[in-house]
Amino acid sequence: MSQLIPADVKPQCNVALNHNGDDVLLQSYIDAAEAHVVRYVRRDLDSEFPSGWPADILQAVRLLVAHYYRFREAAVIAATASEVPMGVKALLEPHRNFCE
């Protein structure tokens, strides 16, 4: 189950809260970002945090969604556009399971 909804990420993406034209796109990015986070930390976050993921993990999801939203074109000039922002890794590192 998704931890965030489009309204939760719109400020991070510089999208007006009353603009609903990209909600389906934003939800797909939320789903992809949450899946990325779960793979990166190697934990079942939904089971471990049934009342909701910690704030730093949710912020990492917001950063990833904003990154996906900003660099959504098929071809991007910037070399760093395809890389995960460093802040995402820093936010997730304390939660990462290194035993697997």
PDB file of N, CA and C in Angstrom:
ATOM      1  N   MET A   1       0.844  -1.181   0.000  1.00  0.00           N
ATOM      2  CA  MET A   1       0.000   0.000   0.000  1.00  0.00           C
ATOM      3  C   MET A   1       0.885   1.240   0.000  1.00  0.00           C
ATOM      4  N   SER A   2       0.522   2.186  -0.792  1.00  0.00           N
ATOM      5  CA  SER A   2       1.326   3.392  -0.942  1.00  0.00           C
ATOM      6  C   SER A   2       1.314   4.230   0.335  1.00  0.00           C
ATOM      7  N   GLN A   3       2.479   4.731   0.686  1.00  0.00           N
ATOM      8  CA  GLN A   3       2.620   5.561   1.872  1.00  0.00           C
ATOM      9  C   GLN A   3       2.264   7.022   1.604  1.00  0.00           C
ATOM     10  N   LEU A   4       2.390   7.444   0.360  1.00  0.00           N
ATOM     11  CA  LEU A   4       2.140   8.836  -0.011  1.00  0.00           C
ATOM     12  C   LEU A   4       1.118   8.904  -1.135  1.00  0.00           C
ATOM     13  N   ILE A   5       0.505  10.066  -1.265  1.00  0.00           N
ATOM     14  CA  ILE A   5      -0.414  10.339  -2.364  1.00  0.00           C
ATOM     15  C   ILE A   5       0.131  11.547  -3.124  1.00  0.00           C
ATOM     16  N   PRO A   6      -0.358  11.810  -4.317  1.00  0.00           N
ATOM     17  CA  PRO A   6       0.169  12.925  -5.100  1.00  0.00           C
ATOM     18  C   PRO A   6       0.224  14.257  -4.344  1.00  0.00           C
ATOM     19  N   ALA A   7      -0.766  14.559  -3.536  1.00  0.00           N
ATOM     20  CA  ALA A   7      -0.760  15.823  -2.789  1.00  0.00           C
ATOM     21  C   ALA A   7       0.440  15.915  -1.844  1.00  0.00           C
ATOM     22  N   ASP A   8       0.951  14.779  -1.392  1.00  0.00           N
ATOM     23  CA  ASP A   8       2.103  14.770  -0.483  1.00  0.00           C
ATOM     24  C   ASP A   8       3.411  15.127  -1.189  1.00  0.00           C
ATOM     25  N   VAL A   9       3.479  14.917  -2.490  1.00  0.00           N
ATOM     26  CA  VAL A   9       4.726  15.150  -3.219  1.00  0.00           C
ATOM     27  C   VAL A   9       4.702  16.399  -4.089  1.00  0.00           C
ATOM     28  N   LYS A  10       3.533  16.974  -4.295  1.00  0.00           N
ATOM     29  CA  LYS A  10       3.434  18.140  -5.177  1.00  0.00           C
ATOM     30  C   LYS A  10       4.328  19.296  -4.742  1.00  0.00           C
ATOM     31  N   PRO A  11       4.395  19.643  -3.454  1.00  0.00           N
ATOM     32  CA  PRO A  11       5.311  20.730  -3.074  1.00  0.00           C
ATOM     33  C   PRO A  11       6.768  20.430  -3.426  1.00  0.00           C
ATOM     34  N   GLN A  12       7.201  19.196  -3.248  1.00  0.00           N
ATOM     35  CA  GLN A  12       8.572  18.800  -3.577  1.00  0.00           C
ATOM     36  C   GLN A  12       8.821  18.886  -5.083  1.00  0.00           C
ATOM     37  N   CYS A  13       7.771  18.688  -5.870  1.00  0.00           N
ATOM     38  CA  CYS A  13       7.879  18.715  -7.335  1.00  0.00           C
ATOM     39  C   CYS A  13       7.567  20.086  -7.920  1.00  0.00           C
ATOM     40  N   ASN A  14       7.289  21.061  -7.074  1.00  0.00           N
ATOM     41  CA  ASN A  14       6.900  22.402  -7.522  1.00  0.00           C
ATOM     42  C   ASN A  14       5.641  22.368  -8.389  1.00  0.00           C
ATOM     43  N   VAL A  15       4.682  21.574  -7.966  1.00  0.00           N
ATOM     44  CA  VAL A  15       3.390  21.468  -8.638  1.00  0.00           C
ATOM     45  C   VAL A  15       2.338  22.045  -7.698  1.00  0.00           C
ATOM     46  N   ALA A  16       1.468  22.882  -8.224  1.00  0.00           N
ATOM     47  CA  ALA A  16       0.401  23.473  -7.407  1.00  0.00           C
ATOM     48  C   ALA A  16      -0.522  22.377  -6.884  1.00  0.00           C
ATOM     49  N   LEU A  17      -0.914  22.509  -5.624  1.00  0.00           N
ATOM     50  CA  LEU A  17      -1.770  21.498  -5.009  1.00  0.00           C
ATOM     51  C   LEU A  17      -3.093  21.335  -5.743  1.00  0.00           C
ATOM     52  N   ASN A  18      -3.583  22.411  -6.363  1.00  0.00           N
ATOM     53  CA  ASN A  18      -4.869  22.317  -7.058  1.00  0.00           C
ATOM     54  C   ASN A  18      -4.725  21.842  -8.506  1.00  0.00           C
ATOM     55  N   HIS A  19      -3.508  21.563  -8.950  1.00  0.00           N
ATOM     56  CA  HIS A  19      -3.276  21.024 -10.299  1.00  0.00           C
ATOM     57  C   HIS A  19      -3.341  19.505 -10.220  1.00  0.00           C
ATOM     58  N   ASN A  20      -4.381  18.939 -10.827  1.00  0.00           N
ATOM     59  CA  ASN A  20      -4.584  17.488 -10.741  1.00  0.00           C
ATOM     60  C   ASN A  20      -4.228  16.761 -12.027  1.00  0.00           C
ATOM     61  N   GLY A  21      -3.753  17.479 -13.025  1.00  0.00           N
ATOM     62  CA  GLY A  21      -3.464  16.876 -14.314  1.00  0.00           C
ATOM     63  C   GLY A  21      -2.366  15.831 -14.300  1.00  0.00           C
ATOM     64  N   ASP A  22      -1.464  15.887 -13.336  1.00  0.00           N
ATOM     65  CA  ASP A  22      -0.352  14.937 -13.274  1.00  0.00           C
ATOM     66  C   ASP A  22      -0.493  13.929 -12.139  1.00  0.00           C
ATOM     67  N   ASP A  23      -1.667  13.832 -11.544  1.00  0.00           N
ATOM     68  CA  ASP A  23      -1.827  12.947 -10.388  1.00  0.00           C
ATOM     69  C   ASP A  23      -1.543  11.479 -10.706  1.00  0.00           C
ATOM     70  N   VAL A  24      -1.985  11.004 -11.851  1.00  0.00           N
ATOM     71  CA  VAL A  24      -1.725   9.605 -12.220  1.00  0.00           C
ATOM     72  C   VAL A  24      -0.224   9.400 -12.419  1.00  0.00           C
ATOM     73  N   LEU A  25       0.419  10.336 -13.087  1.00  0.00           N
ATOM     74  CA  LEU A  25       1.865  10.265 -13.290  1.00  0.00           C
ATOM     75  C   LEU A  25       2.600  10.295 -11.954  1.00  0.00           C
ATOM     76  N   LEU A  26       2.220  11.234 -11.090  1.00  0.00           N
ATOM     77  CA  LEU A  26       2.869  11.332  -9.778  1.00  0.00           C
ATOM     78  C   LEU A  26       2.675  10.060  -8.966  1.00  0.00           C
ATOM     79  N   GLN A  27       1.486   9.453  -9.016  1.00  0.00           N
ATOM     80  CA  GLN A  27       1.261   8.215  -8.270  1.00  0.00           C
ATOM     81  C   GLN A  27       2.135   7.096  -8.806  1.00  0.00           C
ATOM     82  N   SER A  28       2.334   7.065 -10.122  1.00  0.00           N
ATOM     83  CA  SER A  28       3.220   6.028 -10.674  1.00  0.00           C
ATOM     84  C   SER A  28       4.657   6.239 -10.207  1.00  0.00           C
ATOM     85  N   TYR A  29       5.081   7.498 -10.091  1.00  0.00           N
ATOM     86  CA  TYR A  29       6.416   7.785  -9.573  1.00  0.00           C
ATOM     87  C   TYR A  29       6.518   7.454  -8.088  1.00  0.00           C
ATOM     88  N   ILE A  30       5.461   7.713  -7.345  1.00  0.00           N
ATOM     89  CA  ILE A  30       5.441   7.342  -5.924  1.00  0.00           C
ATOM     90  C   ILE A  30       5.609   5.833  -5.787  1.00  0.00           C
ATOM     91  N   ASP A  31       4.842   5.077  -6.558  1.00  0.00           N
ATOM     92  CA  ASP A  31       4.937   3.617  -6.498  1.00  0.00           C
ATOM     93  C   ASP A  31       6.348   3.138  -6.845  1.00  0.00           C
ATOM     94  N   ALA A  32       6.933   3.715  -7.888  1.00  0.00           N
ATOM     95  CA  ALA A  32       8.290   3.328  -8.291  1.00  0.00           C
ATOM     96  C   ALA A  32       9.316   3.715  -7.231  1.00  0.00           C
ATOM     97  N   ALA A  33       9.174   4.902  -6.651  1.00  0.00           N
ATOM     98  CA  ALA A  33      10.118   5.360  -5.632  1.00  0.00           C
ATOM     99  C   ALA A  33      10.022   4.498  -4.380  1.00  0.00           C
ATOM    100  N   GLU A  34       8.807   4.151  -3.973  1.00  0.00           N
ATOM    101  CA  GLU A  34       8.646   3.300  -2.795  1.00  0.00           C
ATOM    102  C   GLU A  34       9.247   1.921  -3.044  1.00  0.00           C
ATOM    103  N   ALA A  35       9.062   1.389  -4.234  1.00  0.00           N
ATOM    104  CA  ALA A  35       9.658   0.090  -4.563  1.00  0.00           C
ATOM    105  C   ALA A  35      11.186   0.185  -4.540  1.00  0.00           C
ATOM    106  N   HIS A  36      11.726   1.285  -5.053  1.00  0.00           N
ATOM    107  CA  HIS A  36      13.177   1.493  -5.037  1.00  0.00           C
ATOM    108  C   HIS A  36      13.692   1.522  -3.599  1.00  0.00           C
ATOM    109  N   VAL A  37      12.993   2.248  -2.740  1.00  0.00           N
ATOM    110  CA  VAL A  37      13.403   2.366  -1.335  1.00  0.00           C
ATOM    111  C   VAL A  37      13.398   1.000  -0.656  1.00  0.00           C
ATOM    112  N   VAL A  38      12.362   0.222  -0.858  1.00  0.00           N
ATOM    113  CA  VAL A  38      12.275  -1.104  -0.236  1.00  0.00           C
ATOM    114  C   VAL A  38      13.421  -1.993  -0.710  1.00  0.00           C
ATOM    115  N   ARG A  39      13.716  -1.948  -2.012  1.00  0.00           N
ATOM    116  CA  ARG A  39      14.842  -2.744  -2.526  1.00  0.00           C
ATOM    117  C   ARG A  39      16.164  -2.263  -1.934  1.00  0.00           C
ATOM    118  N   TYR A  40      16.337  -0.964  -1.808  1.00  0.00           N
ATOM    119  CA  TYR A  40      17.600  -0.412  -1.325  1.00  0.00           C
ATOM    120  C   TYR A  40      17.842  -0.752   0.144  1.00  0.00           C
ATOM    121  N   VAL A  41      16.811  -0.615   0.978  1.00  0.00           N
ATOM    122  CA  VAL A  41      17.012  -0.873   2.411  1.00  0.00           C
ATOM    123  C   VAL A  41      16.934  -2.360   2.754  1.00  0.00           C
ATOM    124  N   ARG A  42      16.408  -3.155   1.814  1.00  0.00           N
ATOM    125  CA  ARG A  42      16.309  -4.610   2.000  1.00  0.00           C
ATOM    126  C   ARG A  42      15.520  -4.988   3.245  1.00  0.00           C
ATOM    127  N   ARG A  43      14.383  -4.314   3.403  1.00  0.00           N
ATOM    128  CA  ARG A  43      13.515  -4.581   4.557  1.00  0.00           C
ATOM    129  C   ARG A  43      12.060  -4.496   4.119  1.00  0.00           C
ATOM    130  N   ASP A  44      11.184  -5.159   4.860  1.00  0.00           N
ATOM    131  CA  ASP A  44       9.748  -5.067   4.623  1.00  0.00           C
ATOM    132  C   ASP A  44       9.222  -3.927   5.487  1.00  0.00           C
ATOM    133  N   LEU A  45       9.269  -2.730   4.934  1.00  0.00           N
ATOM    134  CA  LEU A  45       8.931  -1.527   5.705  1.00  0.00           C
ATOM    135  C   LEU A  45       7.464  -1.500   6.126  1.00  0.00           C
ATOM    136  N   ASP A  46       6.571  -2.063   5.309  1.00  0.00           N
ATOM    137  CA  ASP A  46       5.156  -2.077   5.671  1.00  0.00           C
ATOM    138  C   ASP A  46       4.918  -2.919   6.922  1.00  0.00           C
ATOM    139  N   SER A  47       5.608  -4.049   7.028  1.00  0.00           N
ATOM    140  CA  SER A  47       5.457  -4.900   8.216  1.00  0.00           C
ATOM    141  C   SER A  47       6.126  -4.293   9.440  1.00  0.00           C
ATOM    142  N   GLU A  48       7.293  -3.700   9.237  1.00  0.00           N
ATOM    143  CA  GLU A  48       8.037  -3.136  10.355  1.00  0.00           C
ATOM    144  C   GLU A  48       7.426  -1.837  10.885  1.00  0.00           C
ATOM    145  N   PHE A  49       6.771  -1.095  10.003  1.00  0.00           N
ATOM    146  CA  PHE A  49       6.174   0.186  10.394  1.00  0.00           C
ATOM    147  C   PHE A  49       4.714   0.221   9.936  1.00  0.00           C
ATOM    148  N   PRO A  50       3.845  -0.582  10.578  1.00  0.00           N
ATOM    149  CA  PRO A  50       2.451  -0.678  10.120  1.00  0.00           C
ATOM    150  C   PRO A  50       1.663   0.630  10.222  1.00  0.00           C
ATOM    151  N   SER A  51       2.088   1.520  11.078  1.00  0.00           N
ATOM    152  CA  SER A  51       1.368   2.795  11.203  1.00  0.00           C
ATOM    153  C   SER A  51       1.938   3.873  10.285  1.00  0.00           C
ATOM    154  N   GLY A  52       2.922   3.527   9.478  1.00  0.00           N
ATOM    155  CA  GLY A  52       3.509   4.476   8.526  1.00  0.00           C
ATOM    156  C   GLY A  52       5.021   4.494   8.631  1.00  0.00           C
ATOM    157  N   TRP A  53       5.655   4.686   7.489  1.00  0.00           N
ATOM    158  CA  TRP A  53       7.120   4.715   7.431  1.00  0.00           C
ATOM    159  C   TRP A  53       7.658   5.941   8.155  1.00  0.00           C
ATOM    160  N   PRO A  54       8.894   5.856   8.690  1.00  0.00           N
ATOM    161  CA  PRO A  54       9.516   7.007   9.351  1.00  0.00           C
ATOM    162  C   PRO A  54       9.665   8.202   8.408  1.00  0.00           C
ATOM    163  N   ALA A  55       9.716   9.376   8.992  1.00  0.00           N
ATOM    164  CA  ALA A  55       9.760  10.630   8.232  1.00  0.00           C
ATOM    165  C   ALA A  55      10.945  10.704   7.279  1.00  0.00           C
ATOM    166  N   ASP A  56      12.112  10.206   7.690  1.00  0.00           N
ATOM    167  CA  ASP A  56      13.275  10.301   6.803  1.00  0.00           C
ATOM    168  C   ASP A  56      13.131   9.398   5.579  1.00  0.00           C
ATOM    169  N   ILE A  57      12.488   8.267   5.734  1.00  0.00           N
ATOM    170  CA  ILE A  57      12.245   7.388   4.592  1.00  0.00           C
ATOM    171  C   ILE A  57      11.235   8.038   3.647  1.00  0.00           C
ATOM    172  N   LEU A  58      10.188   8.638   4.200  1.00  0.00           N
ATOM    173  CA  LEU A  58       9.195   9.320   3.366  1.00  0.00           C
ATOM    174  C   LEU A  58       9.817  10.496   2.621  1.00  0.00           C
ATOM    175  N   GLN A  59      10.744  11.191   3.261  1.00  0.00           N
ATOM    176  CA  GLN A  59      11.427  12.292   2.574  1.00  0.00           C
ATOM    177  C   GLN A  59      12.277  11.765   1.425  1.00  0.00           C
ATOM    178  N   ALA A  60      12.904  10.624   1.618  1.00  0.00           N
ATOM    179  CA  ALA A  60      13.675  10.012   0.530  1.00  0.00           C
ATOM    180  C   ALA A  60      12.750   9.682  -0.642  1.00  0.00           C
ATOM    181  N   VAL A  61      11.561   9.190  -0.349  1.00  0.00           N
ATOM    182  CA  VAL A  61      10.584   8.905  -1.407  1.00  0.00           C
ATOM    183  C   VAL A  61      10.211  10.198  -2.125  1.00  0.00           C
ATOM    184  N   ARG A  62       9.961  11.263  -1.381  1.00  0.00           N
ATOM    185  CA  ARG A  62       9.617  12.556  -2.006  1.00  0.00           C
ATOM    186  C   ARG A  62      10.739  13.047  -2.922  1.00  0.00           C
ATOM    187  N   LEU A  63      11.970  12.925  -2.457  1.00  0.00           N
ATOM    188  CA  LEU A  63      13.110  13.351  -3.279  1.00  0.00           C
ATOM    189  C   LEU A  63      13.203  12.533  -4.569  1.00  0.00           C
ATOM    190  N   LEU A  64      12.989  11.234  -4.451  1.00  0.00           N
ATOM    191  CA  LEU A  64      13.026  10.386  -5.639  1.00  0.00           C
ATOM    192  C   LEU A  64      11.904  10.734  -6.611  1.00  0.00           C
ATOM    193  N   VAL A  65      10.708  10.958  -6.094  1.00  0.00           N
ATOM    194  CA  VAL A  65       9.581  11.312  -6.951  1.00  0.00           C
ATOM    195  C   VAL A  65       9.880  12.616  -7.687  1.00  0.00           C
ATOM    196  N   ALA A  66      10.398  13.604  -6.971  1.00  0.00           N
ATOM    197  CA  ALA A  66      10.730  14.888  -7.608  1.00  0.00           C
ATOM    198  C   ALA A  66      11.791  14.688  -8.679  1.00  0.00           C
ATOM    199  N   HIS A  67      12.743  13.821  -8.429  1.00  0.00           N
ATOM    200  CA  HIS A  67      13.791  13.522  -9.408  1.00  0.00           C
ATOM    201  C   HIS A  67      13.177  12.868 -10.650  1.00  0.00           C
ATOM    202  N   TYR A  68      12.334  11.856 -10.437  1.00  0.00           N
ATOM    203  CA  TYR A  68      11.675  11.187 -11.564  1.00  0.00           C
ATOM    204  C   TYR A  68      10.820  12.180 -12.350  1.00  0.00           C
ATOM    205  N   TYR A  69      10.129  13.061 -11.647  1.00  0.00           N
ATOM    206  CA  TYR A  69       9.230  14.024 -12.286  1.00  0.00           C
ATOM    207  C   TYR A  69      10.015  15.041 -13.117  1.00  0.00           C
ATOM    208  N   ARG A  70      11.098  15.507 -12.561  1.00  0.00           N
ATOM    209  CA  ARG A  70      11.902  16.515 -13.253  1.00  0.00           C
ATOM    210  C   ARG A  70      12.602  15.955 -14.490  1.00  0.00           C
ATOM    211  N   PHE A  71      13.086  14.730 -14.385  1.00  0.00           N
ATOM    212  CA  PHE A  71      13.857  14.122 -15.476  1.00  0.00           C
ATOM    213  C   PHE A  71      13.051  13.015 -16.158  1.00  0.00           C
ATOM    214  N   ARG A  72      11.816  13.312 -16.527  1.00  0.00           N
ATOM    215  CA  ARG A  72      10.943  12.292 -17.095  1.00  0.00           C
ATOM    216  C   ARG A  72      11.041  12.151 -18.612  1.00  0.00           C
ATOM    217  N   GLU A  73      11.794  13.002 -19.257  1.00  0.00           N
ATOM    218  CA  GLU A  73      11.931  12.923 -20.710  1.00  0.00           C
ATOM    219  C   GLU A  73      12.816  11.735 -21.091  1.00  0.00           C
ATOM    220  N   ALA A  74      12.632  11.244 -22.299  1.00  0.00           N
ATOM    221  CA  ALA A  74      13.391  10.084 -22.773  1.00  0.00           C
ATOM    222  C   ALA A  74      14.881  10.389 -22.899  1.00  0.00           C
ATOM    223  N   ALA A  75      15.216  11.603 -23.299  1.00  0.00           N
ATOM    224  CA  ALA A  75      16.614  11.999 -23.452  1.00  0.00           C
ATOM    225  C   ALA A  75      16.867  13.239 -22.611  1.00  0.00           C
ATOM    226  N   VAL A  76      17.886  13.170 -21.796  1.00  0.00           N
ATOM    227  CA  VAL A  76      18.221  14.283 -20.912  1.00  0.00           C
ATOM    228  C   VAL A  76      19.675  14.656 -21.152  1.00  0.00           C
ATOM    229  N   ILE A  77      19.944  15.950 -21.195  1.00  0.00           N
ATOM    230  CA  ILE A  77      21.304  16.426 -21.449  1.00  0.00           C
ATOM    231  C   ILE A  77      22.205  16.254 -20.223  1.00  0.00           C
ATOM    232  N   ALA A  78      21.687  16.568 -19.050  1.00  0.00           N
ATOM    233  CA  ALA A  78      22.502  16.556 -17.836  1.00  0.00           C
ATOM    234  C   ALA A  78      22.991  15.149 -17.508  1.00  0.00           C
ATOM    235  N   ALA A  79      24.266  15.042 -17.206  1.00  0.00           N
ATOM    236  CA  ALA A  79      24.864  13.740 -16.904  1.00  0.00           C
ATOM    237  C   ALA A  79      24.331  13.145 -15.608  1.00  0.00           C
ATOM    238  N   THR A  80      23.961  13.984 -14.649  1.00  0.00           N
ATOM    239  CA  THR A  80      23.515  13.479 -13.353  1.00  0.00           C
ATOM    240  C   THR A  80      22.031  13.178 -13.316  1.00  0.00           C
ATOM    241  N   ALA A  81      21.319  13.386 -14.385  1.00  0.00           N
ATOM    242  CA  ALA A  81      19.873  13.211 -14.376  1.00  0.00           C
ATOM    243  C   ALA A  81      19.445  11.777 -14.082  1.00  0.00           C
ATOM    244  N   SER A  82      20.237  10.810 -14.464  1.00  0.00           N
ATOM    245  CA  SER A  82      19.839   9.420 -14.269  1.00  0.00           C
ATOM    246  C   SER A  82      20.256   8.868 -12.914  1.00  0.00           C
ATOM    247  N   GLU A  83      21.082   9.560 -12.181  1.00  0.00           N
ATOM    248  CA  GLU A  83      21.555   9.074 -10.891  1.00  0.00           C
ATOM    249  C   GLU A  83      20.583   9.429  -9.778  1.00  0.00           C
ATOM    250  N   VAL A  84      20.536   8.580  -8.772  1.00  0.00           N
ATOM    251  CA  VAL A  84      19.714   8.854  -7.601  1.00  0.00           C
ATOM    252  C   VAL A  84      20.368   9.988  -6.818  1.00  0.00           C
ATOM    253  N   PRO A  85      19.594  10.990  -6.411  1.00  0.00           N
ATOM    254  CA  PRO A  85      20.179  12.097  -5.642  1.00  0.00           C
ATOM    255  C   PRO A  85      20.873  11.598  -4.373  1.00  0.00           C
ATOM    256  N   MET A  86      22.016  12.191  -4.046  1.00  0.00           N
ATOM    257  CA  MET A  86      22.796  11.765  -2.875  1.00  0.00           C
ATOM    258  C   MET A  86      21.993  11.843  -1.585  1.00  0.00           C
ATOM    259  N   GLY A  87      21.118  12.799  -1.458  1.00  0.00           N
ATOM    260  CA  GLY A  87      20.322  12.935  -0.245  1.00  0.00           C
ATOM    261  C   GLY A  87      19.453  11.719   0.026  1.00  0.00           C
ATOM    262  N   VAL A  88      19.041  11.037  -1.024  1.00  0.00           N
ATOM    263  CA  VAL A  88      18.212   9.843  -0.859  1.00  0.00           C
ATOM    264  C   VAL A  88      19.004   8.769  -0.120  1.00  0.00           C
ATOM    265  N   LYS A  89      20.208   8.512  -0.580  1.00  0.00           N
ATOM    266  CA  LYS A  89      21.037   7.495   0.067  1.00  0.00           C
ATOM    267  C   LYS A  89      21.348   7.867   1.512  1.00  0.00           C
ATOM    268  N   ALA A  90      21.632   9.134   1.759  1.00  0.00           N
ATOM    269  CA  ALA A  90      21.940   9.579   3.121  1.00  0.00           C
ATOM    270  C   ALA A  90      20.749   9.380   4.052  1.00  0.00           C
ATOM    271  N   LEU A  91      19.549   9.638   3.564  1.00  0.00           N
ATOM    272  CA  LEU A  91      18.350   9.452   4.386  1.00  0.00           C
ATOM    273  C   LEU A  91      18.053   7.980   4.650  1.00  0.00           C
ATOM    274  N   LEU A  92      18.384   7.131   3.705  1.00  0.00           N
ATOM    275  CA  LEU A  92      18.046   5.709   3.826  1.00  0.00           C
ATOM    276  C   LEU A  92      19.121   4.875   4.511  1.00  0.00           C
ATOM    277  N   GLU A  93      20.340   5.335   4.507  1.00  0.00           N
ATOM    278  CA  GLU A  93      21.468   4.542   5.030  1.00  0.00           C
ATOM    279  C   GLU A  93      21.236   4.013   6.451  1.00  0.00           C
ATOM    280  N   PRO A  94      20.698   4.816   7.396  1.00  0.00           N
ATOM    281  CA  PRO A  94      20.495   4.277   8.741  1.00  0.00           C
ATOM    282  C   PRO A  94      19.482   3.128   8.806  1.00  0.00           C
ATOM    283  N   HIS A  95      18.665   2.997   7.780  1.00  0.00           N
ATOM    284  CA  HIS A  95      17.625   1.965   7.765  1.00  0.00           C
ATOM    285  C   HIS A  95      18.011   0.748   6.938  1.00  0.00           C
ATOM    286  N   ARG A  96      19.157   0.785   6.327  1.00  0.00           N
ATOM    287  CA  ARG A  96      19.547  -0.275   5.397  1.00  0.00           C
ATOM    288  C   ARG A  96      19.975  -1.533   6.130  1.00  0.00           C
ATOM    289  N   ASN A  97      19.512  -2.661   5.636  1.00  0.00           N
ATOM    290  CA  ASN A  97      19.875  -3.972   6.178  1.00  0.00           C
ATOM    291  C   ASN A  97      21.072  -4.487   5.387  1.00  0.00           C
ATOM    292  N   PHE A  98      22.203  -4.627   6.049  1.00  0.00           N
ATOM    293  CA  PHE A  98      23.423  -5.083   5.382  1.00  0.00           C
ATOM    294  C   PHE A  98      23.666  -6.576   5.559  1.00  0.00           C
ATOM    295  N   CYS A  99      22.778  -7.269   6.246  1.00  0.00           N
ATOM    296  CA  CYS A  99      22.988  -8.676   6.555  1.00  0.00           C
ATOM    297  C   CYS A  99      22.569  -9.619   5.447  1.00  0.00           C
ATOM    298  N   GLU A 100      21.885  -9.134   4.434  1.00  0.00           N
ATOM    299  CA  GLU A 100      21.432 -10.047   3.371  1.00  0.00           C
ATOM    300  C   GLU A 100      22.431 -10.153   2.264  1.00  0.00           C
TER     301      GLU A 100
END
